[in-house]
Amino acid sequence: MENQTEWNNGAAADEAMNQAAIDMRDAACAAGHTYRVERGDSFYLIARKFGVSVRSLMNANPSVAAGRLFVGDILCIPDGEARSCPVGSSAYTVTQGQTVVDVMLASNVSLRALREYNEDIRLTALRPGDVLCVPPNGDRGLCEHGGPVYRMQEGDTLDEIAALNGTNVEQMLRLNPNLLPSDFTAGQVICLPTRRRMNAPDTEDTREERT
């Protein structure tokens, strides 16, 4: 009975120490929140889970060696830093029990499209809190060389989109071989150039130079 009492007192003391550690770290996390390290965690996985950079996580925990994390360690997770997603996509936080199929159904995008936007994340092993970059609704991931996609808005024209992306109508049609010119209407998801092209106007001078 005495041993049991001592064990209970010891467990209570340990819990009190853990709570004190959490309280101290909370006080130090003025611009963040605390997280208790779980089995299998690493700085990279924790940073990915909360959508922050590894460098920011390390800077927020200067007293913790990146290679010496232990289950139960209390880390400070910096707030205010969201995952940087490509233009046209949006951040999506995975919730408890969700799989990549759930994300695909919720966002109406293909697995290939998700892979193109999340090369650093293992989609078959998602964890609650993982932040994914989700492309526009309807993206099938068919763009040439992983180029960005865009959902056309009311009033958009093929000519204007081409000009805004530094290219021409011919190139836009080549980037979207499955679409007719008349398909470029509001709601249609289209492929854009991988990088901006600043093409000069096709003047008589430039045509003469090519001949």
Protein backbone atom coordinates (compact mmCIF):
# COMPACT_ATOMS: atom_id res chain seq x y z
CA MET A 1 0.00 0.00 0.00
CA GLU A 2 2.87 2.30 0.90
CA ASN A 3 4.58 1.53 -2.44
CA GLN A 4 1.36 2.32 -4.30
CA THR A 5 1.10 5.64 -2.49
CA GLU A 6 4.70 6.48 -3.36
CA TRP A 7 4.06 5.56 -7.01
CA ASN A 8 0.95 7.75 -7.11
CA ASN A 9 2.87 10.62 -5.55
CA GLY A 10 5.66 10.15 -8.08
CA ALA A 11 3.24 10.09 -11.00
CA ALA A 12 1.53 13.22 -9.68
CA ALA A 13 4.91 14.93 -9.34
CA ASP A 14 5.84 13.97 -12.91
CA GLU A 15 2.53 15.30 -14.20
CA ALA A 16 3.03 18.52 -12.28
CA MET A 17 6.50 18.90 -13.76
CA ASN A 18 5.16 18.27 -17.25
CA GLN A 19 2.42 20.84 -16.73
CA ALA A 20 4.97 23.30 -15.41
CA ALA A 21 7.08 22.71 -18.53
CA ILE A 22 4.03 23.33 -20.72
CA ASP A 23 3.17 26.49 -18.78
CA MET A 24 6.74 27.77 -19.10
CA ARG A 25 6.82 27.03 -22.83
CA ASP A 26 3.39 28.67 -23.24
CA ALA A 27 4.83 31.79 -21.66
CA ALA A 28 7.75 31.65 -24.10
CA CYS A 29 5.37 31.05 -27.03
CA ALA A 30 3.94 34.54 -27.08
CA ALA A 31 3.55 34.29 -30.87
CA GLY A 32 2.66 30.60 -31.06
CA HIS A 33 1.35 27.55 -29.25
CA THR A 34 2.77 24.41 -27.67
CA TYR A 35 2.96 20.88 -29.02
CA ARG A 36 3.91 17.63 -27.26
CA VAL A 37 6.24 15.45 -29.37
CA GLU A 38 4.76 12.07 -30.35
CA ARG A 39 6.40 8.82 -31.38
CA GLY A 40 7.84 9.06 -34.89
CA ASP A 41 7.98 12.86 -34.90
CA SER A 42 10.86 14.87 -36.32
CA PHE A 43 11.39 18.59 -36.85
CA TYR A 44 10.56 18.13 -40.54
CA LEU A 45 7.34 16.20 -39.88
CA ILE A 46 6.18 18.62 -37.18
CA ALA A 47 6.93 21.62 -39.41
CA ARG A 48 4.98 19.99 -42.24
CA LYS A 49 2.11 19.13 -39.91
CA PHE A 50 1.61 22.75 -38.87
CA GLY A 51 2.49 24.36 -42.20
CA VAL A 52 5.60 26.20 -40.99
CA SER A 53 9.19 26.08 -42.20
CA VAL A 54 11.75 23.90 -40.43
CA ARG A 55 13.92 26.98 -39.91
CA SER A 56 11.06 28.85 -38.15
CA LEU A 57 10.40 25.83 -35.94
CA MET A 58 14.06 25.56 -34.97
CA ASN A 59 14.29 29.30 -34.29
CA ALA A 60 11.26 29.02 -31.98
CA ASN A 61 12.98 26.20 -30.04
CA PRO A 62 16.66 27.20 -29.74
CA SER A 63 17.24 24.98 -26.70
CA VAL A 64 16.10 21.81 -28.50
CA ALA A 65 18.57 19.92 -30.71
CA ALA A 66 16.89 18.91 -33.97
CA GLY A 67 18.42 15.42 -33.83
CA ARG A 68 17.50 14.76 -30.22
CA LEU A 69 13.71 14.95 -30.01
CA PHE A 70 12.09 12.72 -27.42
CA VAL A 71 8.48 11.63 -26.97
CA GLY A 72 6.89 14.06 -24.56
CA ASP A 73 9.15 17.01 -25.37
CA ILE A 74 7.24 20.31 -25.47
CA LEU A 75 7.89 22.46 -28.54
CA CYS A 76 6.82 25.96 -29.40
CA ILE A 77 5.00 26.11 -32.76
CA PRO A 78 5.19 29.60 -34.29
CA ASP A 79 1.94 31.10 -35.49
CA GLY A 80 1.38 33.48 -38.35
CA GLU A 81 3.25 31.51 -41.00
CA ALA A 82 1.07 29.74 -43.51
CA ARG A 83 2.26 27.33 -46.14
CA SER A 84 3.19 29.14 -49.32
CA CYS A 85 1.01 27.73 -52.12
CA PRO A 86 1.35 28.46 -55.85
CA VAL A 87 -0.84 31.18 -57.33
CA GLY A 88 -4.26 29.77 -58.17
CA SER A 89 -4.17 27.11 -55.43
CA SER A 90 -5.29 27.31 -51.81
CA ALA A 91 -4.15 25.86 -48.49
CA TYR A 92 -6.18 22.94 -47.12
CA THR A 93 -5.71 21.60 -43.58
CA VAL A 94 -6.27 17.87 -43.16
CA THR A 95 -8.64 16.95 -40.33
CA GLN A 96 -8.81 13.85 -38.13
CA GLY A 97 -9.51 10.69 -40.14
CA GLN A 98 -9.21 12.28 -43.58
CA THR A 99 -7.38 10.50 -46.38
CA VAL A 100 -6.19 11.74 -49.76
CA VAL A 101 -9.46 10.42 -51.25
CA ASP A 102 -11.45 12.62 -48.87
CA VAL A 103 -9.41 15.65 -49.97
CA MET A 104 -9.95 14.76 -53.63
CA LEU A 105 -13.71 14.45 -53.11
CA ALA A 106 -13.94 17.66 -51.10
CA SER A 107 -11.91 19.64 -53.65
CA ASN A 108 -12.94 17.84 -56.86
CA VAL A 109 -9.36 17.47 -58.12
CA SER A 110 -7.41 14.48 -59.39
CA LEU A 111 -4.67 12.63 -57.52
CA ARG A 112 -2.19 13.68 -60.19
CA ALA A 113 -3.08 17.33 -59.64
CA LEU A 114 -2.60 17.01 -55.87
CA ARG A 115 0.78 15.35 -56.38
CA GLU A 116 1.94 18.17 -58.65
CA TYR A 117 1.20 20.73 -55.93
CA ASN A 118 2.44 18.68 -52.94
CA GLU A 119 5.65 16.94 -53.97
CA ASP A 120 7.02 17.26 -50.42
CA ILE A 121 4.10 15.48 -48.75
CA ARG A 122 3.38 11.75 -48.66
CA LEU A 123 -0.28 11.79 -49.69
CA THR A 124 -0.86 8.15 -48.74
CA ALA A 125 0.03 8.88 -45.11
CA LEU A 126 -1.74 12.14 -44.29
CA ARG A 127 -1.93 13.24 -40.67
CA PRO A 128 -4.31 15.67 -38.96
CA GLY A 129 -2.92 19.17 -39.30
CA ASP A 130 -1.07 18.52 -42.58
CA VAL A 131 -1.45 21.53 -44.87
CA LEU A 132 -1.90 20.74 -48.57
CA CYS A 133 -1.87 23.05 -51.56
CA VAL A 134 -5.07 22.30 -53.45
CA PRO A 135 -5.43 23.36 -57.11
CA PRO A 136 -8.65 24.88 -58.47
CA ASN A 137 -11.79 22.76 -58.52
CA GLY A 138 -11.76 20.54 -61.62
CA ASP A 139 -7.98 20.38 -62.09
CA ARG A 140 -6.99 16.98 -63.52
CA GLY A 141 -3.27 17.63 -63.37
CA LEU A 142 -2.80 17.45 -67.13
CA CYS A 143 -0.83 20.66 -67.64
CA GLU A 144 2.37 20.50 -69.64
CA HIS A 145 5.50 20.26 -67.45
CA GLY A 146 3.40 20.85 -64.33
CA GLY A 147 2.36 24.34 -65.41
CA PRO A 148 -0.15 26.27 -63.29
CA VAL A 149 -3.90 26.13 -63.85
CA TYR A 150 -6.53 28.84 -63.82
CA ARG A 151 -10.33 28.80 -63.59
CA MET A 152 -11.71 31.34 -66.04
CA GLN A 153 -13.89 34.07 -64.57
CA GLU A 154 -16.88 35.88 -66.03
CA GLY A 155 -15.64 38.37 -68.62
CA ASP A 156 -12.30 36.64 -69.27
CA THR A 157 -11.26 36.19 -72.89
CA LEU A 158 -8.62 33.96 -74.42
CA ASP A 159 -6.80 36.99 -75.85
CA GLU A 160 -6.64 38.76 -72.49
CA ILE A 161 -5.46 35.68 -70.59
CA ALA A 162 -2.73 35.07 -73.16
CA ALA A 163 -1.55 38.69 -72.93
CA LEU A 164 -1.57 38.69 -69.12
CA ASN A 165 0.64 35.59 -69.13
CA GLY A 166 3.11 36.94 -71.65
CA THR A 167 2.13 34.59 -74.46
CA ASN A 168 -0.27 34.42 -77.42
CA VAL A 169 -3.48 32.64 -78.38
CA GLU A 170 -1.62 30.00 -80.41
CA GLN A 171 0.47 29.00 -77.41
CA MET A 172 -2.59 28.91 -75.15
CA LEU A 173 -4.30 26.50 -77.55
CA ARG A 174 -1.19 24.33 -77.62
CA LEU A 175 -1.16 24.23 -73.81
CA ASN A 176 -4.79 23.07 -73.83
CA PRO A 177 -4.97 20.56 -76.71
CA ASN A 178 -8.20 19.04 -75.37
CA LEU A 179 -10.09 22.36 -75.62
CA LEU A 180 -11.79 24.10 -78.51
CA PRO A 181 -11.41 27.88 -78.84
CA SER A 182 -15.07 28.13 -77.86
CA ASP A 183 -14.39 26.18 -74.64
CA PHE A 184 -12.53 29.13 -73.10
CA THR A 185 -15.48 30.43 -71.12
CA ALA A 186 -16.26 31.21 -67.47
CA GLY A 187 -15.77 28.18 -65.22
CA GLN A 188 -13.37 26.35 -67.54
CA VAL A 189 -10.09 25.23 -65.93
CA ILE A 190 -7.19 25.90 -68.30
CA CYS A 191 -3.43 25.40 -68.32
CA LEU A 192 -1.15 28.44 -68.23
CA PRO A 193 2.49 28.75 -69.32
CA THR A 194 5.04 27.36 -66.87
CA ARG A 195 6.71 30.76 -66.79
CA ARG A 196 5.81 34.13 -68.16
CA ARG A 197 6.85 34.71 -71.76
CA MET A 198 7.34 38.29 -72.87
CA ASN A 199 6.75 37.86 -76.59
CA ALA A 200 7.12 40.86 -78.84
CA PRO A 201 4.14 41.75 -81.06
CA ASP A 202 4.13 39.90 -84.34
CA THR A 203 4.87 42.91 -86.54
CA GLU A 204 5.82 42.95 -90.17
CA ASP A 205 9.46 43.54 -89.16
CA THR A 206 9.61 40.48 -86.95
CA ARG A 207 7.88 38.36 -89.59
CA GLU A 208 10.46 39.46 -92.15
CA GLU A 209 13.29 38.51 -89.76
CA ARG A 210 11.95 34.95 -89.49
CA THR A 211 11.70 34.50 -93.29
